[in-house]
Amino acid sequence: MVTEASRAGMPGARPPGGGPLSSADRFAQRLGVRLVEREVGRAVVELATGPEHCNDLGKVHGGALFSLADAALAAASNSRPGEAVVAITGTIHFLRAAVPGELLRAEAVEERRGARLGSYRIVVSCDGEAVATAIASTLLVGARPPDG
């Protein structure tokens, strides 16, 4: 398993700035998403929620939950060195409202991987309780340069 602290020094790992949830992924960075674990076909990301993630009802916005799930998908699906993969479908089911102050964790797991298409299951949780579940499909679009 690759952890945030060890991923930059591992053979075949992308250097900082080169992959999802790196300094090059400005959207995830702006949201505050943090990569916790990554291995081939699996990734875990976290988001410490605050008022900036809320809708007008004071709950964490569904778009923030979907973006967190998508960030986990991006990290898991782009975990093979040299591959550039993009999402082509995604469906999310909200199970309960998340509130500011909660630490949300999203885990994406590869269910199937073919030559160009992949299928992933993503669970967004808080303290082990599912907040949302998602499924997504990906497409291998080409090669990524070794340095990013």
N, C-alpha and C. Protein backbone atom coordinates (compact mmCIF):
# COMPACT_ATOMS: atom_id res chain seq x y z
N MET A 1 0.85 -1.17 0.00
CA MET A 1 0.00 0.00 0.00
C MET A 1 0.89 1.24 0.00
N VAL A 2 0.50 2.23 -0.77
CA VAL A 2 1.22 3.48 -0.84
C VAL A 2 0.52 4.49 0.05
N THR A 3 1.24 5.10 0.94
CA THR A 3 0.66 6.14 1.78
C THR A 3 1.15 7.49 1.29
N GLU A 4 0.50 8.53 1.76
CA GLU A 4 0.86 9.88 1.33
C GLU A 4 2.33 10.16 1.61
N ALA A 5 2.83 9.73 2.75
CA ALA A 5 4.20 10.02 3.13
C ALA A 5 5.22 9.25 2.31
N SER A 6 4.83 8.08 1.79
CA SER A 6 5.82 7.24 1.11
C SER A 6 5.72 7.23 -0.40
N ARG A 7 4.65 7.73 -1.00
CA ARG A 7 4.43 7.53 -2.43
C ARG A 7 5.47 8.20 -3.31
N ALA A 8 6.03 9.34 -2.93
CA ALA A 8 6.96 10.04 -3.81
C ALA A 8 8.27 9.30 -3.96
N GLY A 9 8.70 8.54 -2.95
CA GLY A 9 9.98 7.87 -3.02
C GLY A 9 9.95 6.46 -3.56
N MET A 10 8.80 5.95 -3.94
CA MET A 10 8.71 4.57 -4.40
C MET A 10 8.99 4.46 -5.88
N PRO A 11 9.63 3.37 -6.31
CA PRO A 11 9.84 3.17 -7.74
C PRO A 11 8.50 3.12 -8.46
N GLY A 12 8.41 3.81 -9.57
CA GLY A 12 7.18 3.82 -10.36
C GLY A 12 6.12 4.77 -9.86
N ALA A 13 6.34 5.39 -8.70
CA ALA A 13 5.34 6.33 -8.18
C ALA A 13 5.50 7.66 -8.88
N ARG A 14 4.40 8.36 -9.05
CA ARG A 14 4.46 9.67 -9.67
C ARG A 14 5.08 10.67 -8.71
N PRO A 15 5.92 11.55 -9.21
CA PRO A 15 6.46 12.58 -8.34
C PRO A 15 5.40 13.60 -8.00
N PRO A 16 5.62 14.38 -6.94
CA PRO A 16 4.65 15.43 -6.61
C PRO A 16 4.44 16.33 -7.82
N GLY A 17 3.20 16.76 -8.04
CA GLY A 17 2.89 17.64 -9.14
C GLY A 17 2.49 16.92 -10.41
N GLY A 18 2.52 15.59 -10.42
CA GLY A 18 2.29 14.89 -11.65
C GLY A 18 0.99 14.14 -11.79
N GLY A 19 0.23 13.96 -10.76
CA GLY A 19 -0.96 13.13 -10.88
C GLY A 19 -2.13 13.67 -10.10
N PRO A 20 -3.22 12.94 -10.10
CA PRO A 20 -4.40 13.38 -9.36
C PRO A 20 -4.07 13.66 -7.90
N LEU A 21 -4.66 14.68 -7.35
CA LEU A 21 -4.49 15.12 -5.98
C LEU A 21 -3.10 15.65 -5.71
N SER A 22 -2.38 15.95 -6.76
CA SER A 22 -1.08 16.58 -6.64
C SER A 22 -1.27 18.09 -6.79
N SER A 23 -0.19 18.80 -6.77
CA SER A 23 -0.29 20.25 -6.94
C SER A 23 -0.83 20.62 -8.33
N ALA A 24 -0.77 19.68 -9.28
CA ALA A 24 -1.30 19.94 -10.62
C ALA A 24 -2.82 19.80 -10.67
N ASP A 25 -3.41 19.13 -9.69
CA ASP A 25 -4.86 18.97 -9.65
C ASP A 25 -5.44 20.11 -8.81
N ARG A 26 -5.58 21.27 -9.45
CA ARG A 26 -5.96 22.48 -8.73
C ARG A 26 -7.37 22.42 -8.15
N PHE A 27 -8.28 21.71 -8.81
CA PHE A 27 -9.65 21.64 -8.30
C PHE A 27 -9.69 20.89 -6.97
N ALA A 28 -9.10 19.70 -6.93
CA ALA A 28 -9.08 18.92 -5.69
C ALA A 28 -8.31 19.66 -4.61
N GLN A 29 -7.25 20.32 -4.99
CA GLN A 29 -6.47 21.10 -4.04
C GLN A 29 -7.31 22.24 -3.45
N ARG A 30 -8.06 22.91 -4.30
CA ARG A 30 -8.92 24.02 -3.85
C ARG A 30 -10.01 23.53 -2.89
N LEU A 31 -10.54 22.33 -3.14
CA LEU A 31 -11.56 21.77 -2.25
C LEU A 31 -10.99 21.35 -0.90
N GLY A 32 -9.68 21.05 -0.87
CA GLY A 32 -9.06 20.58 0.36
C GLY A 32 -8.94 19.08 0.43
N VAL A 33 -9.07 18.39 -0.71
CA VAL A 33 -8.97 16.93 -0.74
C VAL A 33 -7.52 16.51 -0.54
N ARG A 34 -7.33 15.48 0.28
CA ARG A 34 -6.00 14.99 0.62
C ARG A 34 -5.92 13.49 0.31
N LEU A 35 -4.87 13.09 -0.40
CA LEU A 35 -4.63 11.68 -0.70
C LEU A 35 -4.08 11.00 0.54
N VAL A 36 -4.73 9.91 0.95
CA VAL A 36 -4.32 9.18 2.15
C VAL A 36 -3.60 7.88 1.78
N GLU A 37 -4.16 7.12 0.84
CA GLU A 37 -3.58 5.85 0.41
C GLU A 37 -3.79 5.70 -1.09
N ARG A 38 -2.84 5.03 -1.73
CA ARG A 38 -3.03 4.67 -3.14
C ARG A 38 -2.20 3.44 -3.45
N GLU A 39 -2.83 2.50 -4.11
CA GLU A 39 -2.17 1.33 -4.67
C GLU A 39 -2.86 1.06 -6.00
N VAL A 40 -2.34 0.16 -6.78
CA VAL A 40 -2.94 -0.09 -8.09
C VAL A 40 -4.40 -0.49 -7.94
N GLY A 41 -5.28 0.29 -8.55
CA GLY A 41 -6.70 0.00 -8.56
C GLY A 41 -7.46 0.41 -7.31
N ARG A 42 -6.82 1.12 -6.40
CA ARG A 42 -7.49 1.52 -5.15
C ARG A 42 -6.89 2.82 -4.64
N ALA A 43 -7.75 3.68 -4.09
CA ALA A 43 -7.27 4.91 -3.48
C ALA A 43 -8.23 5.37 -2.40
N VAL A 44 -7.68 6.06 -1.41
CA VAL A 44 -8.46 6.65 -0.33
C VAL A 44 -8.08 8.12 -0.25
N VAL A 45 -9.10 8.98 -0.22
CA VAL A 45 -8.88 10.42 -0.07
C VAL A 45 -9.75 10.92 1.08
N GLU A 46 -9.40 12.07 1.62
CA GLU A 46 -10.16 12.66 2.73
C GLU A 46 -10.44 14.13 2.47
N LEU A 47 -11.50 14.59 3.11
CA LEU A 47 -11.87 16.00 3.07
C LEU A 47 -12.37 16.41 4.45
N ALA A 48 -11.69 17.37 5.05
CA ALA A 48 -12.16 17.95 6.31
C ALA A 48 -13.17 19.03 5.93
N THR A 49 -14.44 18.78 6.21
CA THR A 49 -15.49 19.69 5.75
C THR A 49 -15.61 20.91 6.64
N GLY A 50 -15.97 22.00 6.01
CA GLY A 50 -16.18 23.26 6.72
C GLY A 50 -17.32 24.02 6.10
N PRO A 51 -17.57 25.24 6.56
CA PRO A 51 -18.68 26.03 6.03
C PRO A 51 -18.56 26.30 4.52
N GLU A 52 -17.35 26.33 4.01
CA GLU A 52 -17.14 26.58 2.59
C GLU A 52 -17.64 25.43 1.72
N HIS A 53 -17.93 24.27 2.30
CA HIS A 53 -18.44 23.12 1.57
C HIS A 53 -19.96 22.97 1.68
N CYS A 54 -20.63 23.94 2.30
CA CYS A 54 -22.05 23.79 2.63
C CYS A 54 -22.99 24.44 1.63
N ASN A 55 -24.20 23.90 1.61
CA ASN A 55 -25.29 24.49 0.83
C ASN A 55 -26.07 25.46 1.72
N ASP A 56 -27.18 25.97 1.22
CA ASP A 56 -27.94 26.96 1.98
C ASP A 56 -28.71 26.37 3.16
N LEU A 57 -28.69 25.04 3.30
CA LEU A 57 -29.32 24.39 4.45
C LEU A 57 -28.32 24.08 5.56
N GLY A 58 -27.06 24.46 5.32
CA GLY A 58 -26.03 24.22 6.32
C GLY A 58 -25.46 22.81 6.30
N LYS A 59 -25.80 22.03 5.28
CA LYS A 59 -25.27 20.67 5.11
C LYS A 59 -24.19 20.70 4.04
N VAL A 60 -23.31 19.69 4.06
CA VAL A 60 -22.27 19.61 3.04
C VAL A 60 -22.96 19.41 1.69
N HIS A 61 -22.60 20.23 0.74
CA HIS A 61 -23.20 20.24 -0.59
C HIS A 61 -22.98 18.89 -1.28
N GLY A 62 -24.00 18.41 -1.98
CA GLY A 62 -23.87 17.17 -2.73
C GLY A 62 -22.75 17.21 -3.75
N GLY A 63 -22.50 18.39 -4.31
CA GLY A 63 -21.40 18.53 -5.26
C GLY A 63 -20.05 18.30 -4.62
N ALA A 64 -19.91 18.67 -3.35
CA ALA A 64 -18.66 18.41 -2.62
C ALA A 64 -18.49 16.91 -2.40
N LEU A 65 -19.58 16.22 -2.08
CA LEU A 65 -19.51 14.76 -1.90
C LEU A 65 -19.16 14.07 -3.22
N PHE A 66 -19.80 14.51 -4.31
CA PHE A 66 -19.51 13.91 -5.61
C PHE A 66 -18.07 14.20 -6.02
N SER A 67 -17.60 15.41 -5.76
CA SER A 67 -16.22 15.77 -6.10
C SER A 67 -15.21 14.94 -5.30
N LEU A 68 -15.53 14.67 -4.03
CA LEU A 68 -14.65 13.82 -3.22
C LEU A 68 -14.61 12.41 -3.80
N ALA A 69 -15.77 11.86 -4.17
CA ALA A 69 -15.82 10.54 -4.79
C ALA A 69 -15.04 10.53 -6.10
N ASP A 70 -15.18 11.59 -6.88
CA ASP A 70 -14.48 11.69 -8.16
C ASP A 70 -12.97 11.78 -7.96
N ALA A 71 -12.53 12.46 -6.92
CA ALA A 71 -11.10 12.56 -6.64
C ALA A 71 -10.53 11.18 -6.29
N ALA A 72 -11.29 10.39 -5.52
CA ALA A 72 -10.85 9.03 -5.20
C ALA A 72 -10.79 8.19 -6.47
N LEU A 73 -11.80 8.34 -7.34
CA LEU A 73 -11.81 7.64 -8.62
C LEU A 73 -10.59 8.02 -9.45
N ALA A 74 -10.29 9.30 -9.53
CA ALA A 74 -9.14 9.76 -10.32
C ALA A 74 -7.84 9.14 -9.81
N ALA A 75 -7.66 9.12 -8.50
CA ALA A 75 -6.44 8.56 -7.92
C ALA A 75 -6.35 7.06 -8.17
N ALA A 76 -7.46 6.34 -7.99
CA ALA A 76 -7.44 4.88 -8.19
C ALA A 76 -7.25 4.51 -9.66
N SER A 77 -7.98 5.18 -10.53
CA SER A 77 -7.94 4.81 -11.95
C SER A 77 -6.64 5.23 -12.63
N ASN A 78 -5.95 6.22 -12.08
CA ASN A 78 -4.67 6.66 -12.63
C ASN A 78 -3.50 6.13 -11.81
N SER A 79 -3.69 5.01 -11.13
CA SER A 79 -2.65 4.48 -10.25
C SER A 79 -1.61 3.62 -10.97
N ARG A 80 -1.83 3.30 -12.22
CA ARG A 80 -0.85 2.53 -12.98
C ARG A 80 0.10 3.51 -13.67
N PRO A 81 1.40 3.35 -13.42
CA PRO A 81 2.37 4.27 -14.03
C PRO A 81 2.24 4.30 -15.56
N GLY A 82 2.30 5.50 -16.10
CA GLY A 82 2.30 5.67 -17.55
C GLY A 82 0.94 5.74 -18.21
N GLU A 83 -0.16 5.54 -17.45
CA GLU A 83 -1.49 5.56 -18.05
C GLU A 83 -2.23 6.85 -17.72
N ALA A 84 -2.96 7.37 -18.71
CA ALA A 84 -3.84 8.52 -18.52
C ALA A 84 -5.27 8.02 -18.67
N VAL A 85 -6.06 8.15 -17.59
CA VAL A 85 -7.42 7.61 -17.54
C VAL A 85 -8.37 8.74 -17.15
N VAL A 86 -9.55 8.76 -17.78
CA VAL A 86 -10.58 9.76 -17.45
C VAL A 86 -11.89 9.04 -17.14
N ALA A 87 -12.73 9.70 -16.36
CA ALA A 87 -14.07 9.18 -16.06
C ALA A 87 -14.97 9.41 -17.27
N ILE A 88 -15.83 8.43 -17.56
CA ILE A 88 -16.81 8.60 -18.64
C ILE A 88 -18.25 8.50 -18.13
N THR A 89 -18.46 7.90 -16.96
CA THR A 89 -19.78 7.89 -16.33
C THR A 89 -19.60 7.93 -14.82
N GLY A 90 -20.63 8.39 -14.14
CA GLY A 90 -20.60 8.37 -12.68
C GLY A 90 -22.00 8.57 -12.14
N THR A 91 -22.36 7.74 -11.17
CA THR A 91 -23.67 7.83 -10.52
C THR A 91 -23.44 7.77 -9.03
N ILE A 92 -24.09 8.67 -8.30
CA ILE A 92 -23.93 8.70 -6.85
C ILE A 92 -25.28 8.58 -6.17
N HIS A 93 -25.29 7.93 -5.03
CA HIS A 93 -26.49 7.80 -4.19
C HIS A 93 -26.15 8.38 -2.83
N PHE A 94 -26.87 9.43 -2.44
CA PHE A 94 -26.65 10.07 -1.15
C PHE A 94 -27.46 9.31 -0.10
N LEU A 95 -26.79 8.87 0.95
CA LEU A 95 -27.44 8.04 1.97
C LEU A 95 -27.82 8.83 3.21
N ARG A 96 -27.04 9.86 3.52
CA ARG A 96 -27.37 10.74 4.64
C ARG A 96 -26.66 12.06 4.43
N ALA A 97 -27.13 13.08 5.11
CA ALA A 97 -26.49 14.39 4.99
C ALA A 97 -25.18 14.39 5.77
N ALA A 98 -24.20 15.06 5.22
CA ALA A 98 -22.94 15.30 5.93
C ALA A 98 -22.99 16.73 6.46
N VAL A 99 -22.36 16.95 7.59
CA VAL A 99 -22.39 18.27 8.21
C VAL A 99 -20.98 18.83 8.33
N PRO A 100 -20.85 20.15 8.33
CA PRO A 100 -19.52 20.74 8.45
C PRO A 100 -18.85 20.29 9.73
N GLY A 101 -17.55 20.08 9.64
CA GLY A 101 -16.78 19.61 10.78
C GLY A 101 -16.49 18.12 10.70
N GLU A 102 -17.22 17.40 9.83
CA GLU A 102 -16.97 15.97 9.67
C GLU A 102 -15.76 15.75 8.76
N LEU A 103 -14.99 14.73 9.07
CA LEU A 103 -13.90 14.29 8.20
C LEU A 103 -14.46 13.19 7.32
N LEU A 104 -14.60 13.49 6.04
CA LEU A 104 -15.15 12.52 5.09
C LEU A 104 -14.01 11.79 4.41
N ARG A 105 -14.23 10.51 4.19
CA ARG A 105 -13.23 9.65 3.56
C ARG A 105 -13.90 8.96 2.37
N ALA A 106 -13.26 8.98 1.22
CA ALA A 106 -13.78 8.28 0.04
C ALA A 106 -12.77 7.23 -0.39
N GLU A 107 -13.27 6.01 -0.57
CA GLU A 107 -12.43 4.91 -1.04
C GLU A 107 -12.96 4.43 -2.38
N ALA A 108 -12.10 4.43 -3.39
CA ALA A 108 -12.45 3.93 -4.72
C ALA A 108 -11.71 2.61 -4.93
N VAL A 109 -12.46 1.61 -5.39
CA VAL A 109 -11.91 0.29 -5.62
C VAL A 109 -12.27 -0.15 -7.04
N GLU A 110 -11.26 -0.61 -7.75
CA GLU A 110 -11.46 -1.11 -9.10
C GLU A 110 -12.21 -2.45 -9.03
N GLU A 111 -13.34 -2.52 -9.72
CA GLU A 111 -14.12 -3.75 -9.77
C GLU A 111 -13.73 -4.61 -10.97
N ARG A 112 -13.45 -3.94 -12.09
CA ARG A 112 -13.03 -4.64 -13.30
C ARG A 112 -12.22 -3.69 -14.16
N ARG A 113 -11.21 -4.24 -14.81
CA ARG A 113 -10.38 -3.44 -15.69
C ARG A 113 -10.13 -4.23 -16.96
N GLY A 114 -10.53 -3.66 -18.09
CA GLY A 114 -10.26 -4.27 -19.38
C GLY A 114 -9.12 -3.55 -20.06
N ALA A 115 -9.00 -3.73 -21.36
CA ALA A 115 -7.91 -3.09 -22.11
C ALA A 115 -8.03 -1.57 -22.09
N ARG A 116 -9.26 -1.03 -22.17
CA ARG A 116 -9.44 0.42 -22.17
C ARG A 116 -10.47 0.91 -21.17
N LEU A 117 -11.39 0.04 -20.75
CA LEU A 117 -12.47 0.46 -19.85
C LEU A 117 -12.27 -0.10 -18.44
N GLY A 118 -12.66 0.69 -17.46
CA GLY A 118 -12.60 0.26 -16.07
C GLY A 118 -13.92 0.54 -15.37
N SER A 119 -14.19 -0.23 -14.32
CA SER A 119 -15.39 -0.05 -13.52
C SER A 119 -14.97 0.05 -12.05
N TYR A 120 -15.51 1.06 -11.35
CA TYR A 120 -15.10 1.35 -9.98
C TYR A 120 -16.30 1.52 -9.06
N ARG A 121 -16.11 1.14 -7.80
CA ARG A 121 -17.08 1.36 -6.73
C ARG A 121 -16.44 2.33 -5.76
N ILE A 122 -17.17 3.35 -5.36
CA ILE A 122 -16.67 4.37 -4.44
C ILE A 122 -17.62 4.50 -3.26
N VAL A 123 -17.09 4.51 -2.06
CA VAL A 123 -17.88 4.72 -0.86
C VAL A 123 -17.33 5.95 -0.15
N VAL A 124 -18.19 6.92 0.12
CA VAL A 124 -17.86 8.09 0.93
C VAL A 124 -18.39 7.80 2.32
N SER A 125 -17.55 7.94 3.33
CA SER A 125 -17.97 7.60 4.69
C SER A 125 -17.46 8.63 5.70
N CYS A 126 -18.04 8.54 6.89
CA CYS A 126 -17.62 9.34 8.03
C CYS A 126 -17.63 8.42 9.24
N ASP A 127 -16.50 8.26 9.86
CA ASP A 127 -16.38 7.37 11.03
C ASP A 127 -16.95 5.99 10.75
N GLY A 128 -16.68 5.47 9.56
CA GLY A 128 -17.11 4.13 9.20
C GLY A 128 -18.55 4.01 8.72
N GLU A 129 -19.33 5.09 8.79
CA GLU A 129 -20.72 5.07 8.32
C GLU A 129 -20.79 5.64 6.91
N ALA A 130 -21.43 4.89 6.00
CA ALA A 130 -21.55 5.35 4.62
C ALA A 130 -22.41 6.60 4.53
N VAL A 131 -21.92 7.59 3.83
CA VAL A 131 -22.63 8.84 3.57
C VAL A 131 -23.17 8.82 2.14
N ALA A 132 -22.40 8.23 1.22
CA ALA A 132 -22.80 8.12 -0.19
C ALA A 132 -22.08 6.95 -0.82
N THR A 133 -22.69 6.37 -1.84
CA THR A 133 -22.04 5.34 -2.64
C THR A 133 -22.11 5.77 -4.09
N ALA A 134 -21.12 5.35 -4.86
CA ALA A 134 -21.08 5.73 -6.26
C ALA A 134 -20.50 4.59 -7.08
N ILE A 135 -20.86 4.57 -8.35
CA ILE A 135 -20.23 3.69 -9.32
C ILE A 135 -19.79 4.56 -10.48
N ALA A 136 -18.71 4.16 -11.11
CA ALA A 136 -18.19 4.96 -12.22
C ALA A 136 -17.46 4.08 -13.21
N SER A 137 -17.41 4.55 -14.43
CA SER A 137 -16.66 3.89 -15.50
C SER A 137 -15.57 4.83 -15.98
N THR A 138 -14.47 4.25 -16.42
CA THR A 138 -13.33 5.05 -16.89
C THR A 138 -12.88 4.57 -18.26
N LEU A 139 -12.13 5.44 -18.91
CA LEU A 139 -11.58 5.15 -20.23
C LEU A 139 -10.10 5.48 -20.24
N LEU A 140 -9.27 4.52 -20.67
CA LEU A 140 -7.85 4.76 -20.85
C LEU A 140 -7.70 5.57 -22.14
N VAL A 141 -7.18 6.79 -22.01
CA VAL A 141 -7.11 7.68 -23.18
C VAL A 141 -5.71 7.79 -23.76
N GLY A 142 -4.73 7.22 -23.11
CA GLY A 142 -3.38 7.27 -23.66
C GLY A 142 -2.33 7.11 -22.59
N ALA A 143 -1.14 7.50 -22.98
CA ALA A 143 0.00 7.38 -22.09
C ALA A 143 0.26 8.70 -21.39
N ARG A 144 0.74 8.58 -20.17
CA ARG A 144 1.15 9.74 -19.39
C ARG A 144 2.66 9.73 -19.36
N PRO A 145 3.31 10.87 -19.56
CA PRO A 145 4.78 10.90 -19.50
C PRO A 145 5.26 10.38 -18.14
N PRO A 146 6.42 9.74 -18.10
CA PRO A 146 6.94 9.18 -16.86
C PRO A 146 7.04 10.19 -15.72
N ASP A 147 7.25 11.45 -16.01
CA ASP A 147 7.40 12.45 -14.95
C ASP A 147 6.07 13.10 -14.60
N GLY A 148 4.97 12.56 -15.04
CA GLY A 148 3.71 13.15 -14.66
C GLY A 148 2.60 12.81 -15.55
